[in-house]
N, C-alpha and C. Protein backbone atom coordinates (compact mmCIF):
# COMPACT_ATOMS: atom_id res chain seq x y z
N UNK A 1 75.88 100.46 82.02
CA UNK A 1 75.71 99.24 81.69
C UNK A 1 74.55 98.64 82.41
N UNK A 2 73.69 97.68 81.82
CA UNK A 2 72.67 96.91 82.80
C UNK A 2 73.18 95.83 83.57
N UNK A 3 72.44 95.89 84.74
CA UNK A 3 72.83 94.82 85.67
C UNK A 3 72.57 93.41 85.55
N UNK A 4 71.47 93.63 84.47
CA UNK A 4 71.03 92.34 83.66
C UNK A 4 71.98 91.66 83.09
N UNK A 5 72.57 92.36 82.28
CA UNK A 5 73.80 91.92 81.11
C UNK A 5 75.11 91.40 81.94
N UNK A 6 75.37 91.90 83.07
CA UNK A 6 76.46 91.60 84.11
C UNK A 6 76.05 90.30 84.76
N UNK A 7 74.73 90.22 85.08
CA UNK A 7 74.36 88.95 85.85
C UNK A 7 74.41 87.86 85.02
N UNK A 8 73.97 87.95 83.72
CA UNK A 8 73.93 86.72 82.73
C UNK A 8 75.44 86.38 82.47
N UNK A 9 76.41 87.39 82.31
CA UNK A 9 77.71 87.15 82.06
C UNK A 9 78.31 86.33 83.28
N UNK A 10 77.98 86.93 84.32
CA UNK A 10 78.64 86.21 85.79
C UNK A 10 78.15 84.77 85.85
N UNK A 11 76.98 84.32 85.02
CA UNK A 11 76.24 83.13 85.08
C UNK A 11 77.29 82.16 84.30
N UNK A 12 78.02 82.63 83.48
CA UNK A 12 78.80 81.59 82.45
C UNK A 12 79.72 81.03 82.83
N UNK A 13 80.38 79.81 82.80
CA UNK A 13 81.61 79.38 83.26
C UNK A 13 82.82 80.24 82.86
N UNK A 14 83.86 80.14 83.74
CA UNK A 14 84.93 80.95 83.50
C UNK A 14 85.68 81.17 82.32
N UNK A 15 85.79 80.02 81.69
CA UNK A 15 86.30 79.88 80.11
C UNK A 15 85.32 80.68 79.10
N UNK A 16 84.38 80.68 79.43
CA UNK A 16 83.36 81.56 78.47
C UNK A 16 83.45 82.77 78.71
N UNK A 17 83.57 83.28 80.16
CA UNK A 17 83.60 84.82 80.55
C UNK A 17 84.92 85.10 79.90
N UNK A 18 86.13 84.56 79.95
CA UNK A 18 87.40 84.96 79.51
C UNK A 18 87.12 85.18 77.94
N UNK A 19 86.39 84.18 77.10
CA UNK A 19 86.19 84.43 75.91
C UNK A 19 85.54 85.53 75.45
N UNK A 20 84.33 85.81 76.25
CA UNK A 20 83.74 87.13 75.87
C UNK A 20 84.33 88.38 76.28
N UNK A 21 85.09 88.34 77.27
CA UNK A 21 85.92 89.55 77.82
C UNK A 21 86.95 89.84 76.70
N UNK A 22 87.48 88.93 76.11
CA UNK A 22 88.39 88.69 74.98
C UNK A 22 87.83 89.37 73.66
N UNK A 23 86.37 88.85 73.30
CA UNK A 23 85.83 89.43 72.24
C UNK A 23 85.48 91.00 72.38
N UNK A 24 84.94 91.46 73.52
CA UNK A 24 84.72 92.69 73.82
C UNK A 24 85.89 93.63 73.59
N UNK A 25 86.98 93.03 74.38
CA UNK A 25 88.36 93.87 74.25
C UNK A 25 88.85 94.18 72.66
N UNK A 26 88.65 93.20 72.03
CA UNK A 26 88.95 93.17 70.52
C UNK A 26 88.08 94.10 69.73
N UNK A 27 86.99 94.39 70.25
CA UNK A 27 85.98 95.41 69.47
C UNK A 27 86.41 96.70 69.91
N UNK A 28 86.89 97.03 70.73
CA UNK A 28 87.55 98.38 70.97
C UNK A 28 88.72 98.83 70.11
N UNK A 29 88.38 99.93 69.37
CA UNK A 29 89.47 100.68 68.54
C UNK A 29 90.52 101.25 69.72
N UNK A 30 91.64 100.67 69.83
CA UNK A 30 92.52 101.47 70.67
C UNK A 30 93.63 102.07 69.58
N UNK A 31 93.99 103.26 70.08
CA UNK A 31 95.02 104.09 69.29
C UNK A 31 96.39 103.33 69.21
N UNK A 32 96.50 102.73 70.54
CA UNK A 32 97.97 102.22 70.89
C UNK A 32 97.98 100.81 70.99
N UNK A 33 98.37 99.83 70.26
CA UNK A 33 98.30 98.70 70.51
C UNK A 33 98.99 97.88 71.94
N UNK A 34 99.85 99.04 72.44
CA UNK A 34 100.33 98.66 73.69
C UNK A 34 99.14 98.61 74.92
N UNK A 35 98.19 99.55 74.52
CA UNK A 35 97.29 99.43 75.61
C UNK A 35 96.30 98.24 75.49
N UNK A 36 95.92 98.20 74.18
CA UNK A 36 94.97 96.87 74.05
C UNK A 36 95.78 95.47 74.64
N UNK A 37 97.13 95.37 74.45
CA UNK A 37 97.77 94.23 75.10
C UNK A 37 97.55 94.14 76.60
N UNK A 38 98.00 95.49 77.02
CA UNK A 38 97.96 95.22 78.50
C UNK A 38 96.52 95.11 79.26
N UNK A 39 95.49 95.64 78.55
CA UNK A 39 93.91 95.25 78.96
C UNK A 39 93.74 93.68 78.97
N UNK A 40 94.14 93.02 77.75
CA UNK A 40 94.26 91.51 77.55
C UNK A 40 94.91 90.72 78.51
N UNK A 41 96.01 91.41 79.03
CA UNK A 41 96.99 90.82 79.75
C UNK A 41 96.25 91.00 81.16
N UNK A 42 95.51 92.09 81.44
CA UNK A 42 95.10 92.16 82.92
C UNK A 42 93.77 91.20 82.88
N UNK A 43 92.89 91.35 81.96
CA UNK A 43 91.72 90.16 82.26
C UNK A 43 92.20 88.94 82.12
N UNK A 44 93.39 88.33 81.60
CA UNK A 44 93.69 87.11 81.48
C UNK A 44 94.07 86.89 82.93
N UNK A 45 95.10 87.93 83.67
CA UNK A 45 95.81 87.53 85.02
C UNK A 45 94.40 87.72 85.94
N UNK A 46 93.53 88.36 85.91
CA UNK A 46 92.37 88.33 86.75
C UNK A 46 91.55 86.95 86.83
N UNK A 47 91.38 86.40 85.48
CA UNK A 47 90.79 85.25 85.42
C UNK A 47 91.56 84.07 85.92
N UNK A 48 92.79 83.95 85.91
CA UNK A 48 93.55 83.07 86.33
C UNK A 48 93.55 82.98 88.06
N UNK A 49 93.43 84.58 88.54
CA UNK A 49 93.50 84.46 89.88
C UNK A 49 91.99 84.04 90.66
N UNK A 50 91.04 84.36 89.86
CA UNK A 50 89.62 84.01 90.18
C UNK A 50 89.66 82.57 90.03
N UNK A 51 90.15 81.85 89.03
CA UNK A 51 90.24 80.40 88.85
C UNK A 51 90.76 79.78 90.09
N UNK A 52 91.91 80.32 90.46
CA UNK A 52 92.64 79.64 91.56
C UNK A 52 92.13 79.96 92.87
N UNK A 53 91.09 80.89 93.07
CA UNK A 53 90.69 80.96 94.30
C UNK A 53 91.55 82.03 95.03
N UNK A 54 92.26 83.00 94.20
CA UNK A 54 93.12 83.60 94.92
C UNK A 54 92.93 85.24 95.16
N UNK A 55 91.59 85.64 94.82
CA UNK A 55 91.13 87.08 94.95
C UNK A 55 91.43 87.81 95.83
N UNK A 56 91.37 87.32 97.10
CA UNK A 56 91.66 88.01 98.48
C UNK A 56 93.32 88.00 98.36
N UNK A 57 94.03 87.11 97.77
CA UNK A 57 95.41 87.26 97.76
C UNK A 57 95.91 88.26 96.98
N UNK A 58 95.31 88.68 95.92
CA UNK A 58 95.51 89.53 94.95
C UNK A 58 95.15 90.89 95.53
N UNK A 59 93.83 91.22 96.29
CA UNK A 59 93.99 92.29 96.80
C UNK A 59 94.80 92.63 98.18
N UNK A 60 95.28 91.62 98.93
CA UNK A 60 96.15 91.82 99.77
C UNK A 60 97.55 92.54 99.13
N UNK A 61 97.73 91.68 98.07
CA UNK A 61 98.95 92.04 97.51
C UNK A 61 99.22 93.41 96.89
N UNK A 62 97.84 93.98 96.04
CA UNK A 62 97.90 95.21 95.81
C UNK A 62 97.90 96.16 96.55
N UNK A 63 97.08 95.96 98.21
CA UNK A 63 97.28 96.70 99.17
C UNK A 63 98.70 97.00 99.93
N UNK A 64 99.48 95.88 99.44
CA UNK A 64 100.85 95.93 99.93
C UNK A 64 101.58 96.72 99.09
N UNK A 65 101.62 96.52 98.05
CA UNK A 65 102.11 97.56 96.95
C UNK A 65 101.78 98.94 97.17
N UNK A 66 100.73 99.34 97.43
CA UNK A 66 100.20 100.68 97.92
C UNK A 66 100.72 101.04 98.99
N UNK A 67 100.94 100.35 100.06
CA UNK A 67 101.39 100.61 101.55
C UNK A 67 102.93 101.05 101.39
N UNK A 68 103.72 100.45 100.38
CA UNK A 68 105.08 100.71 100.20
C UNK A 68 105.57 101.85 99.69
N UNK A 69 104.51 102.56 99.09
CA UNK A 69 104.72 104.05 98.45
C UNK A 69 103.86 105.05 98.99
N UNK A 70 103.61 105.31 100.21
CA UNK A 70 102.76 106.17 100.60
C UNK A 70 102.95 107.69 100.23
N UNK A 71 104.08 107.98 100.06
CA UNK A 71 104.46 109.36 99.46
C UNK A 71 104.04 109.27 98.05
N UNK A 72 103.61 108.46 97.53
CA UNK A 72 102.91 108.80 96.11
C UNK A 72 101.32 109.43 96.03
N UNK A 73 100.94 109.50 97.00
CA UNK A 73 99.50 109.89 97.26
C UNK A 73 99.37 110.95 98.49
N UNK A 74 99.17 112.18 98.25
CA UNK A 74 98.86 112.84 99.25
C UNK A 74 97.27 113.20 99.52
N UNK A 75 96.76 113.24 100.61
CA UNK A 75 95.67 113.67 100.77
C UNK A 75 95.31 115.19 101.50
N UNK A 76 94.47 115.87 101.00
CA UNK A 76 94.55 117.24 101.52
C UNK A 76 93.70 117.30 102.56
N UNK A 77 93.55 118.40 103.58
CA UNK A 77 92.67 118.41 104.72
C UNK A 77 91.08 118.39 104.32
N UNK A 78 90.94 118.69 102.92
CA UNK A 78 89.41 118.70 102.72
C UNK A 78 89.11 117.01 102.30
N UNK A 79 89.90 116.14 102.27
CA UNK A 79 89.60 114.71 101.94
C UNK A 79 89.74 114.36 100.34
N UNK A 80 90.39 115.27 99.72
CA UNK A 80 90.57 115.03 98.48
C UNK A 80 91.96 114.45 97.81
N UNK A 81 91.84 113.26 97.10
CA UNK A 81 92.93 112.56 97.05
C UNK A 81 93.65 113.41 95.96
N UNK A 82 95.26 113.41 95.95
CA UNK A 82 95.82 113.56 94.73
C UNK A 82 97.01 113.01 94.35
N UNK A 83 97.34 112.65 93.47
CA UNK A 83 98.73 112.06 93.21
C UNK A 83 99.75 113.14 93.16
N UNK A 84 101.00 112.97 93.54
CA UNK A 84 102.09 113.72 93.30
C UNK A 84 103.04 113.20 92.63
């Protein structure tokens, strides 16, 4: 993806970015409607978080969720991560 395209999109007001994201998602042919709906929900959630200025809170919340289940990720001595 060209950085120019992203830069132009980020200059748009939040409501226009949401509309653009929804149009892009709608253009993708998903084999599973559940996946499509999940992506749309994720975009909407992220836009709400950004609009409310809670980006840092979301990062902290995701970090806390990952920290609660450290057994789900094992790191080998070579530094490669793998899920168990």
